[in-house]
Amino acid sequence: MPIHRLAEYPSREAILADLTCDCDGRIDRFTLP
């Protein structure tokens, strides 16, 4: 999760990509309530 700006509405849906030149360098599974 973000560690700040949490009093604002999170209006975007996203996945995370890292700096590596690899298609596996991504996070696209997240756990929420």
Full PDB file with SEQRES, HELIX, SHEET, SSBOND, CRYST1, ORIGX, SCALE, CONECT and MASTER records, all heavy atoms in Angstrom:
SEQRES   1 A   33  MET PRO ILE HIS ARG LEU ALA GLU TYR PRO SER ARG GLU          
SEQRES   2 A   33  ALA ILE LEU ALA ASP LEU THR CYS ASP CYS ASP GLY ARG          
SEQRES   3 A   33  ILE ASP ARG PHE THR LEU PRO                                  
SHEET    1 AA1 2 LEU A  16  ALA A  17  0                                        
SHEET    2 AA1 2 ARG A  26  ILE A  27 -1                                        
CRYST1    1.000    1.000    1.000  90.00  90.00  90.00 P 1           1          
ORIGX1      1.000000  0.000000  0.000000        0.00000                         
ORIGX2      0.000000  1.000000  0.000000        0.00000                         
ORIGX3      0.000000  0.000000  1.000000        0.00000                         
SCALE1      1.000000  0.000000  0.000000        0.00000                         
SCALE2      0.000000  1.000000  0.000000        0.00000                         
SCALE3      0.000000  0.000000  1.000000        0.00000                         
ATOM      1  N   MET A   1       0.836  -1.200   0.000  1.00  0.00           N  
ATOM      2  CA  MET A   1       0.000   0.000   0.000  1.00  0.00           C  
ATOM      3  C   MET A   1       0.868   1.247   0.000  1.00  0.00           C  
ATOM      4  O   MET A   1       2.045   1.196   0.364  1.00  0.00           O  
ATOM      5  CB  MET A   1      -0.920   0.004   1.220  1.00  0.00           C  
ATOM      6  CG  MET A   1      -0.190   0.102   2.554  1.00  0.00           C  
ATOM      7  SD  MET A   1      -1.285   0.136   4.003  1.00  0.00           S  
ATOM      8  CE  MET A   1      -2.151   1.689   3.746  1.00  0.00           C  
ATOM      9  N   PRO A   2       0.299   2.388  -0.403  1.00  0.00           N  
ATOM     10  CA  PRO A   2       1.030   3.652  -0.244  1.00  0.00           C  
ATOM     11  C   PRO A   2       1.195   3.943   1.245  1.00  0.00           C  
ATOM     12  O   PRO A   2       0.335   3.578   2.056  1.00  0.00           O  
ATOM     13  CB  PRO A   2       0.112   4.688  -0.909  1.00  0.00           C  
ATOM     14  CG  PRO A   2      -0.936   3.910  -1.625  1.00  0.00           C  
ATOM     15  CD  PRO A   2      -1.044   2.593  -0.974  1.00  0.00           C  
ATOM     16  N   ILE A   3       2.269   4.633   1.600  1.00  0.00           N  
ATOM     17  CA  ILE A   3       2.465   4.963   3.020  1.00  0.00           C  
ATOM     18  C   ILE A   3       2.042   6.394   3.337  1.00  0.00           C  
ATOM     19  O   ILE A   3       2.178   6.838   4.477  1.00  0.00           O  
ATOM     20  CB  ILE A   3       3.921   4.729   3.450  1.00  0.00           C  
ATOM     21  CG1 ILE A   3       4.872   5.713   2.752  1.00  0.00           C  
ATOM     22  CG2 ILE A   3       4.334   3.294   3.197  1.00  0.00           C  
ATOM     23  CD1 ILE A   3       6.261   5.757   3.366  1.00  0.00           C  
ATOM     24  N   HIS A   4       1.510   7.123   2.345  1.00  0.00           N  
ATOM     25  CA  HIS A   4       1.044   8.490   2.570  1.00  0.00           C  
ATOM     26  C   HIS A   4      -0.058   8.808   1.560  1.00  0.00           C  
ATOM     27  O   HIS A   4      -0.440   7.956   0.766  1.00  0.00           O  
ATOM     28  CB  HIS A   4       2.203   9.498   2.473  1.00  0.00           C  
ATOM     29  CG  HIS A   4       2.873   9.525   1.129  1.00  0.00           C  
ATOM     30  ND1 HIS A   4       3.288  10.677   0.502  1.00  0.00           N  
ATOM     31  CD2 HIS A   4       3.217   8.529   0.258  1.00  0.00           C  
ATOM     32  CE1 HIS A   4       3.851  10.397  -0.654  1.00  0.00           C  
ATOM     33  NE2 HIS A   4       3.812   9.092  -0.831  1.00  0.00           N  
ATOM     34  N   ARG A   5      -0.625  10.030   1.667  1.00  0.00           N  
ATOM     35  CA  ARG A   5      -1.719  10.485   0.810  1.00  0.00           C  
ATOM     36  C   ARG A   5      -2.988   9.639   0.995  1.00  0.00           C  
ATOM     37  O   ARG A   5      -3.843   9.557   0.119  1.00  0.00           O  
ATOM     38  CB  ARG A   5      -1.299  10.504  -0.665  1.00  0.00           C  
ATOM     39  CG  ARG A   5      -0.235  11.528  -0.994  1.00  0.00           C  
ATOM     40  CD  ARG A   5       0.141  11.513  -2.455  1.00  0.00           C  
ATOM     41  NE  ARG A   5      -1.013  11.800  -3.315  1.00  0.00           N  
ATOM     42  CZ  ARG A   5      -0.988  11.731  -4.643  1.00  0.00           C  
ATOM     43  NH1 ARG A   5       0.134  11.371  -5.258  1.00  0.00           N  
ATOM     44  NH2 ARG A   5      -2.054  12.002  -5.346  1.00  0.00           N  
ATOM     45  N   LEU A   6      -3.109   9.004   2.159  1.00  0.00           N  
ATOM     46  CA  LEU A   6      -4.217   8.080   2.382  1.00  0.00           C  
ATOM     47  C   LEU A   6      -5.509   8.784   2.786  1.00  0.00           C  
ATOM     48  O   LEU A   6      -6.552   8.131   2.904  1.00  0.00           O  
ATOM     49  CB  LEU A   6      -3.815   7.040   3.429  1.00  0.00           C  
ATOM     50  CG  LEU A   6      -2.653   6.143   2.975  1.00  0.00           C  
ATOM     51  CD1 LEU A   6      -2.119   5.300   4.123  1.00  0.00           C  
ATOM     52  CD2 LEU A   6      -3.080   5.249   1.815  1.00  0.00           C  
ATOM     53  N   ALA A   7      -5.460  10.097   2.972  1.00  0.00           N  
ATOM     54  CA  ALA A   7      -6.698  10.853   3.167  1.00  0.00           C  
ATOM     55  C   ALA A   7      -7.314  11.235   1.819  1.00  0.00           C  
ATOM     56  O   ALA A   7      -8.376  11.852   1.777  1.00  0.00           O  
ATOM     57  CB  ALA A   7      -6.432  12.103   4.000  1.00  0.00           C  
ATOM     58  N   GLU A   8      -6.638  10.862   0.726  1.00  0.00           N  
ATOM     59  CA  GLU A   8      -7.137  11.119  -0.627  1.00  0.00           C  
ATOM     60  C   GLU A   8      -7.702   9.834  -1.225  1.00  0.00           C  
ATOM     61  O   GLU A   8      -7.242   8.733  -0.914  1.00  0.00           O  
ATOM     62  CB  GLU A   8      -6.003  11.621  -1.535  1.00  0.00           C  
ATOM     63  CG  GLU A   8      -5.255  12.826  -1.034  1.00  0.00           C  
ATOM     64  CD  GLU A   8      -4.025  13.109  -1.893  1.00  0.00           C  
ATOM     65  OE1 GLU A   8      -4.064  12.796  -3.103  1.00  0.00           O  
ATOM     66  OE2 GLU A   8      -3.029  13.598  -1.351  1.00  0.00           O  
ATOM     67  N   TYR A   9      -8.650   9.987  -2.105  1.00  0.00           N  
ATOM     68  CA  TYR A   9      -9.246   8.846  -2.789  1.00  0.00           C  
ATOM     69  C   TYR A   9      -8.247   8.256  -3.785  1.00  0.00           C  
ATOM     70  O   TYR A   9      -7.708   8.984  -4.637  1.00  0.00           O  
ATOM     71  CB  TYR A   9     -10.508   9.282  -3.521  1.00  0.00           C  
ATOM     72  CG  TYR A   9     -11.204   8.183  -4.298  1.00  0.00           C  
ATOM     73  CD1 TYR A   9     -11.896   7.176  -3.638  1.00  0.00           C  
ATOM     74  CD2 TYR A   9     -11.170   8.159  -5.691  1.00  0.00           C  
ATOM     75  CE1 TYR A   9     -12.537   6.176  -4.345  1.00  0.00           C  
ATOM     76  CE2 TYR A   9     -11.805   7.161  -6.409  1.00  0.00           C  
ATOM     77  CZ  TYR A   9     -12.488   6.169  -5.724  1.00  0.00           C  
ATOM     78  OH  TYR A   9     -13.116   5.177  -6.430  1.00  0.00           O  
ATOM     79  N   PRO A  10      -7.956   6.946  -3.717  1.00  0.00           N  
ATOM     80  CA  PRO A  10      -7.033   6.323  -4.678  1.00  0.00           C  
ATOM     81  C   PRO A  10      -7.780   5.997  -5.972  1.00  0.00           C  
ATOM     82  O   PRO A  10      -8.399   4.937  -6.095  1.00  0.00           O  
ATOM     83  CB  PRO A  10      -6.569   5.066  -3.946  1.00  0.00           C  
ATOM     84  CG  PRO A  10      -7.712   4.713  -3.038  1.00  0.00           C  
ATOM     85  CD  PRO A  10      -8.394   6.009  -2.679  1.00  0.00           C  
ATOM     86  N   SER A  11      -7.700   6.867  -6.927  1.00  0.00           N  
ATOM     87  CA  SER A  11      -8.567   6.790  -8.104  1.00  0.00           C  
ATOM     88  C   SER A  11      -8.030   5.899  -9.223  1.00  0.00           C  
ATOM     89  O   SER A  11      -8.732   5.657 -10.205  1.00  0.00           O  
ATOM     90  CB  SER A  11      -8.789   8.197  -8.665  1.00  0.00           C  
ATOM     91  OG  SER A  11      -7.557   8.798  -9.026  1.00  0.00           O  
ATOM     92  N   ARG A  12      -6.799   5.431  -9.121  1.00  0.00           N  
ATOM     93  CA  ARG A  12      -6.212   4.628 -10.182  1.00  0.00           C  
ATOM     94  C   ARG A  12      -6.108   3.164  -9.758  1.00  0.00           C  
ATOM     95  O   ARG A  12      -5.902   2.855  -8.576  1.00  0.00           O  
ATOM     96  CB  ARG A  12      -4.817   5.131 -10.567  1.00  0.00           C  
ATOM     97  CG  ARG A  12      -4.741   6.610 -10.876  1.00  0.00           C  
ATOM     98  CD  ARG A  12      -5.695   7.007 -11.985  1.00  0.00           C  
ATOM     99  NE  ARG A  12      -5.457   6.257 -13.210  1.00  0.00           N  
ATOM    100  CZ  ARG A  12      -6.322   6.199 -14.221  1.00  0.00           C  
ATOM    101  NH1 ARG A  12      -7.501   6.795 -14.127  1.00  0.00           N  
ATOM    102  NH2 ARG A  12      -6.020   5.515 -15.308  1.00  0.00           N  
ATOM    103  N   GLU A  13      -6.263   2.252 -10.701  1.00  0.00           N  
ATOM    104  CA  GLU A  13      -6.007   0.830 -10.485  1.00  0.00           C  
ATOM    105  C   GLU A  13      -4.723   0.493 -11.241  1.00  0.00           C  
ATOM    106  O   GLU A  13      -4.578   0.852 -12.411  1.00  0.00           O  
ATOM    107  CB  GLU A  13      -7.158  -0.024 -10.996  1.00  0.00           C  
ATOM    108  CG  GLU A  13      -8.446   0.146 -10.219  1.00  0.00           C  
ATOM    109  CD  GLU A  13      -8.386  -0.494  -8.838  1.00  0.00           C  
ATOM    110  OE1 GLU A  13      -7.553  -1.422  -8.644  1.00  0.00           O  
ATOM    111  OE2 GLU A  13      -9.147  -0.082  -7.946  1.00  0.00           O  
ATOM    112  N   ALA A  14      -3.807  -0.199 -10.580  1.00  0.00           N  
ATOM    113  CA  ALA A  14      -2.483  -0.372 -11.181  1.00  0.00           C  
ATOM    114  C   ALA A  14      -1.867  -1.710 -10.821  1.00  0.00           C  
ATOM    115  O   ALA A  14      -2.256  -2.363  -9.842  1.00  0.00           O  
ATOM    116  CB  ALA A  14      -1.555   0.755 -10.730  1.00  0.00           C  
ATOM    117  N   ILE A  15      -0.896  -2.102 -11.630  1.00  0.00           N  
ATOM    118  CA  ILE A  15       0.056  -3.132 -11.255  1.00  0.00           C  
ATOM    119  C   ILE A  15       1.401  -2.446 -11.079  1.00  0.00           C  
ATOM    120  O   ILE A  15       1.578  -1.292 -11.480  1.00  0.00           O  
ATOM    121  CB  ILE A  15       0.136  -4.260 -12.304  1.00  0.00           C  
ATOM    122  CG1 ILE A  15       0.727  -3.729 -13.618  1.00  0.00           C  
ATOM    123  CG2 ILE A  15      -1.223  -4.889 -12.537  1.00  0.00           C  
ATOM    124  CD1 ILE A  15       1.080  -4.835 -14.604  1.00  0.00           C  
ATOM    125  N   LEU A  16       2.352  -3.147 -10.480  1.00  0.00           N  
ATOM    126  CA  LEU A  16       3.675  -2.580 -10.229  1.00  0.00           C  
ATOM    127  C   LEU A  16       4.714  -3.294 -11.090  1.00  0.00           C  
ATOM    128  O   LEU A  16       4.732  -4.528 -11.162  1.00  0.00           O  
ATOM    129  CB  LEU A  16       4.054  -2.730  -8.754  1.00  0.00           C  
ATOM    130  CG  LEU A  16       3.131  -2.035  -7.748  1.00  0.00           C  
ATOM    131  CD1 LEU A  16       3.534  -2.405  -6.323  1.00  0.00           C  
ATOM    132  CD2 LEU A  16       3.162  -0.526  -7.932  1.00  0.00           C  
ATOM    133  N   ALA A  17       5.556  -2.519 -11.741  1.00  0.00           N  
ATOM    134  CA  ALA A  17       6.671  -3.069 -12.517  1.00  0.00           C  
ATOM    135  C   ALA A  17       7.974  -2.604 -11.888  1.00  0.00           C  
ATOM    136  O   ALA A  17       8.096  -1.443 -11.478  1.00  0.00           O  
ATOM    137  CB  ALA A  17       6.588  -2.607 -13.967  1.00  0.00           C  
ATOM    138  N   ASP A  18       8.952  -3.514 -11.801  1.00  0.00           N  
ATOM    139  CA  ASP A  18      10.224  -3.138 -11.190  1.00  0.00           C  
ATOM    140  C   ASP A  18      11.210  -2.647 -12.251  1.00  0.00           C  
ATOM    141  O   ASP A  18      10.843  -2.436 -13.409  1.00  0.00           O  
ATOM    142  CB  ASP A  18      10.787  -4.294 -10.360  1.00  0.00           C  
ATOM    143  CG  ASP A  18      11.343  -5.437 -11.214  1.00  0.00           C  
ATOM    144  OD1 ASP A  18      11.268  -5.355 -12.458  1.00  0.00           O  
ATOM    145  OD2 ASP A  18      11.859  -6.419 -10.639  1.00  0.00           O  
ATOM    146  N   LEU A  19      12.471  -2.489 -11.858  1.00  0.00           N  
ATOM    147  CA  LEU A  19      13.476  -1.930 -12.759  1.00  0.00           C  
ATOM    148  C   LEU A  19      14.132  -2.965 -13.657  1.00  0.00           C  
ATOM    149  O   LEU A  19      14.878  -2.604 -14.568  1.00  0.00           O  
ATOM    150  CB  LEU A  19      14.583  -1.247 -11.934  1.00  0.00           C  
ATOM    151  CG  LEU A  19      14.203   0.015 -11.165  1.00  0.00           C  
ATOM    152  CD1 LEU A  19      15.418   0.526 -10.396  1.00  0.00           C  
ATOM    153  CD2 LEU A  19      13.675   1.092 -12.081  1.00  0.00           C  
ATOM    154  N   THR A  20      13.888  -4.238 -13.405  1.00  0.00           N  
ATOM    155  CA  THR A  20      14.592  -5.259 -14.169  1.00  0.00           C  
ATOM    156  C   THR A  20      14.023  -5.378 -15.576  1.00  0.00           C  
ATOM    157  O   THR A  20      12.850  -5.108 -15.812  1.00  0.00           O  
ATOM    158  CB  THR A  20      14.497  -6.634 -13.483  1.00  0.00           C  
ATOM    159  OG1 THR A  20      13.126  -7.053 -13.439  1.00  0.00           O  
ATOM    160  CG2 THR A  20      15.048  -6.580 -12.074  1.00  0.00           C  
ATOM    161  N   CYS A  21      14.874  -5.791 -16.479  1.00  0.00           N  
ATOM    162  CA  CYS A  21      14.436  -6.017 -17.868  1.00  0.00           C  
ATOM    163  C   CYS A  21      13.903  -7.433 -17.978  1.00  0.00           C  
ATOM    164  O   CYS A  21      14.472  -8.290 -18.670  1.00  0.00           O  
ATOM    165  CB  CYS A  21      15.598  -5.796 -18.827  1.00  0.00           C  
ATOM    166  SG  CYS A  21      16.276  -4.133 -18.771  1.00  0.00           S  
ATOM    167  N   ASP A  22      12.824  -7.719 -17.280  1.00  0.00           N  
ATOM    168  CA  ASP A  22      12.284  -9.067 -17.230  1.00  0.00           C  
ATOM    169  C   ASP A  22      10.773  -8.975 -17.129  1.00  0.00           C  
ATOM    170  O   ASP A  22      10.251  -8.230 -16.291  1.00  0.00           O  
ATOM    171  CB  ASP A  22      12.848  -9.817 -16.020  1.00  0.00           C  
ATOM    172  CG  ASP A  22      12.632 -11.318 -16.112  1.00  0.00           C  
ATOM    173  OD1 ASP A  22      11.466 -11.732 -16.256  1.00  0.00           O  
ATOM    174  OD2 ASP A  22      13.614 -12.067 -16.022  1.00  0.00           O  
ATOM    175  N   CYS A  23      10.072  -9.753 -17.944  1.00  0.00           N  
ATOM    176  CA  CYS A  23       8.607  -9.696 -17.920  1.00  0.00           C  
ATOM    177  C   CYS A  23       8.057 -10.220 -16.608  1.00  0.00           C  
ATOM    178  O   CYS A  23       6.894  -9.941 -16.257  1.00  0.00           O  
ATOM    179  CB  CYS A  23       8.022 -10.476 -19.094  1.00  0.00           C  
ATOM    180  SG  CYS A  23       8.502 -12.216 -19.144  1.00  0.00           S  
ATOM    181  N   ASP A  24       8.846 -11.000 -15.843  1.00  0.00           N  
ATOM    182  CA  ASP A  24       8.397 -11.466 -14.526  1.00  0.00           C  
ATOM    183  C   ASP A  24       8.606 -10.416 -13.440  1.00  0.00           C  
ATOM    184  O   ASP A  24       8.189 -10.623 -12.298  1.00  0.00           O  
ATOM    185  CB  ASP A  24       9.152 -12.741 -14.132  1.00  0.00           C  
ATOM    186  CG  ASP A  24       8.629 -13.962 -14.858  1.00  0.00           C  
ATOM    187  OD1 ASP A  24       7.486 -13.903 -15.344  1.00  0.00           O  
ATOM    188  OD2 ASP A  24       9.359 -14.964 -14.948  1.00  0.00           O  
ATOM    189  N   GLY A  25       9.263  -9.321 -13.765  1.00  0.00           N  
ATOM    190  CA  GLY A  25       9.534  -8.285 -12.776  1.00  0.00           C  
ATOM    191  C   GLY A  25       8.326  -7.390 -12.541  1.00  0.00           C  
ATOM    192  O   GLY A  25       8.392  -6.170 -12.745  1.00  0.00           O  
ATOM    193  N   ARG A  26       7.235  -7.999 -12.112  1.00  0.00           N  
ATOM    194  CA  ARG A  26       5.995  -7.254 -11.915  1.00  0.00           C  
ATOM    195  C   ARG A  26       5.229  -7.858 -10.748  1.00  0.00           C  
ATOM    196  O   ARG A  26       5.385  -9.030 -10.409  1.00  0.00           O  
ATOM    197  CB  ARG A  26       5.134  -7.316 -13.174  1.00  0.00           C  
ATOM    198  CG  ARG A  26       4.811  -8.733 -13.602  1.00  0.00           C  
ATOM    199  CD  ARG A  26       4.275  -8.811 -15.005  1.00  0.00           C  
ATOM    200  NE  ARG A  26       2.860  -8.457 -15.074  1.00  0.00           N  
ATOM    201  CZ  ARG A  26       2.282  -7.920 -16.141  1.00  0.00           C  
ATOM    202  NH1 ARG A  26       3.004  -7.651 -17.225  1.00  0.00           N  
ATOM    203  NH2 ARG A  26       0.997  -7.663 -16.162  1.00  0.00           N  
ATOM    204  N   ILE A  27       4.414  -7.046 -10.137  1.00  0.00           N  
ATOM    205  CA  ILE A  27       3.509  -7.525  -9.092  1.00  0.00           C  
ATOM    206  C   ILE A  27       2.094  -7.272  -9.597  1.00  0.00           C  
ATOM    207  O   ILE A  27       1.696  -6.121  -9.805  1.00  0.00           O  
ATOM    208  CB  ILE A  27       3.736  -6.813  -7.752  1.00  0.00           C  
ATOM    209  CG1 ILE A  27       5.201  -6.941  -7.313  1.00  0.00           C  
ATOM    210  CG2 ILE A  27       2.820  -7.385  -6.677  1.00  0.00           C  
ATOM    211  CD1 ILE A  27       5.531  -6.198  -6.029  1.00  0.00           C  
ATOM    212  N   ASP A  28       1.356  -8.349  -9.812  1.00  0.00           N  
ATOM    213  CA  ASP A  28      -0.014  -8.218 -10.299  1.00  0.00           C  
ATOM    214  C   ASP A  28      -0.974  -9.121  -9.530  1.00  0.00           C  
ATOM    215  O   ASP A  28      -2.009  -9.526 -10.034  1.00  0.00           O  
ATOM    216  CB  ASP A  28      -0.095  -8.504 -11.806  1.00  0.00           C  
ATOM    217  CG  ASP A  28       0.506  -9.846 -12.182  1.00  0.00           C  
ATOM    218  OD1 ASP A  28       0.816 -10.645 -11.265  1.00  0.00           O  
ATOM    219  OD2 ASP A  28       0.676 -10.100 -13.384  1.00  0.00           O  
ATOM    220  N   ARG A  29      -0.596  -9.439  -8.293  1.00  0.00           N  
ATOM    221  CA  ARG A  29      -1.488 -10.133  -7.361  1.00  0.00           C  
ATOM    222  C   ARG A  29      -1.390  -9.430  -6.028  1.00  0.00           C  
ATOM    223  O   ARG A  29      -0.296  -9.281  -5.465  1.00  0.00           O  
ATOM    224  CB  ARG A  29      -1.106 -11.606  -7.210  1.00  0.00           C  
ATOM    225  CG  ARG A  29      -1.295 -12.434  -8.476  1.00  0.00           C  
ATOM    226  CD  ARG A  29      -0.784 -13.852  -8.307  1.00  0.00           C  
ATOM    227  NE  ARG A  29      -1.494 -14.587  -7.279  1.00  0.00           N  
ATOM    228  CZ  ARG A  29      -0.955 -15.028  -6.143  1.00  0.00           C  
ATOM    229  NH1 ARG A  29       0.319 -14.779  -5.876  1.00  0.00           N  
ATOM    230  NH2 ARG A  29      -1.674 -15.703  -5.268  1.00  0.00           N  
ATOM    231  N   PHE A  30      -2.521  -8.984  -5.530  1.00  0.00           N  
ATOM    232  CA  PHE A  30      -2.559  -8.190  -4.314  1.00  0.00           C  
ATOM    233  C   PHE A  30      -3.633  -8.743  -3.383  1.00  0.00           C  
ATOM    234  O   PHE A  30      -4.644  -9.285  -3.832  1.00  0.00           O  
ATOM    235  CB  PHE A  30      -2.860  -6.722  -4.635  1.00  0.00           C  
ATOM    236  CG  PHE A  30      -1.898  -6.116  -5.621  1.00  0.00           C  
ATOM    237  CD1 PHE A  30      -2.186  -6.120  -6.984  1.00  0.00           C  
ATOM    238  CD2 PHE A  30      -0.702  -5.572  -5.199  1.00  0.00           C  
ATOM    239  CE1 PHE A  30      -1.310  -5.581  -7.912  1.00  0.00           C  
ATOM    240  CE2 PHE A  30       0.192  -5.026  -6.117  1.00  0.00           C  
ATOM    241  CZ  PHE A  30      -0.113  -5.034  -7.472  1.00  0.00           C  
ATOM    242  N   THR A  31      -3.404  -8.590  -2.087  1.00  0.00           N  
ATOM    243  CA  THR A  31      -4.391  -9.026  -1.114  1.00  0.00           C  
ATOM    244  C   THR A  31      -5.033  -7.817  -0.449  1.00  0.00           C  
ATOM    245  O   THR A  31      -4.344  -6.923   0.074  1.00  0.00           O  
ATOM    246  CB  THR A  31      -3.754  -9.953  -0.059  1.00  0.00           C  
ATOM    247  OG1 THR A  31      -4.739 -10.294   0.914  1.00  0.00           O  
ATOM    248  CG2 THR A  31      -2.568  -9.293   0.635  1.00  0.00           C  
ATOM    249  N   LEU A  32      -6.355  -7.771  -0.524  1.00  0.00           N  
ATOM    250  CA  LEU A  32      -7.157  -6.733   0.109  1.00  0.00           C  
ATOM    251  C   LEU A  32      -8.286  -7.419   0.875  1.00  0.00           C  
ATOM    252  O   LEU A  32      -8.588  -8.597   0.628  1.00  0.00           O  
ATOM    253  CB  LEU A  32      -7.736  -5.778  -0.937  1.00  0.00           C  
ATOM    254  CG  LEU A  32      -6.729  -4.923  -1.719  1.00  0.00           C  
ATOM    255  CD1 LEU A  32      -7.436  -4.140  -2.812  1.00  0.00           C  
ATOM    256  CD2 LEU A  32      -5.973  -3.984  -0.799  1.00  0.00           C  
ATOM    257  N   PRO A  33      -8.924  -6.729   1.806  1.00  0.00           N  
ATOM    258  CA  PRO A  33     -10.025  -7.360   2.549  1.00  0.00           C  
ATOM    259  C   PRO A  33     -11.123  -7.922   1.654  1.00  0.00           C  
ATOM    260  O   PRO A  33     -11.790  -8.888   2.022  1.00  0.00           O  
ATOM    261  CB  PRO A  33     -10.554  -6.218   3.428  1.00  0.00           C  
ATOM    262  CG  PRO A  33      -9.370  -5.338   3.639  1.00  0.00           C  
ATOM    263  CD  PRO A  33      -8.608  -5.386   2.348  1.00  0.00           C  
TER     264      PRO A  33                                                      
MASTER        0    0    0    0    2    0    0    6  263    1    0    3          
END                                                                             
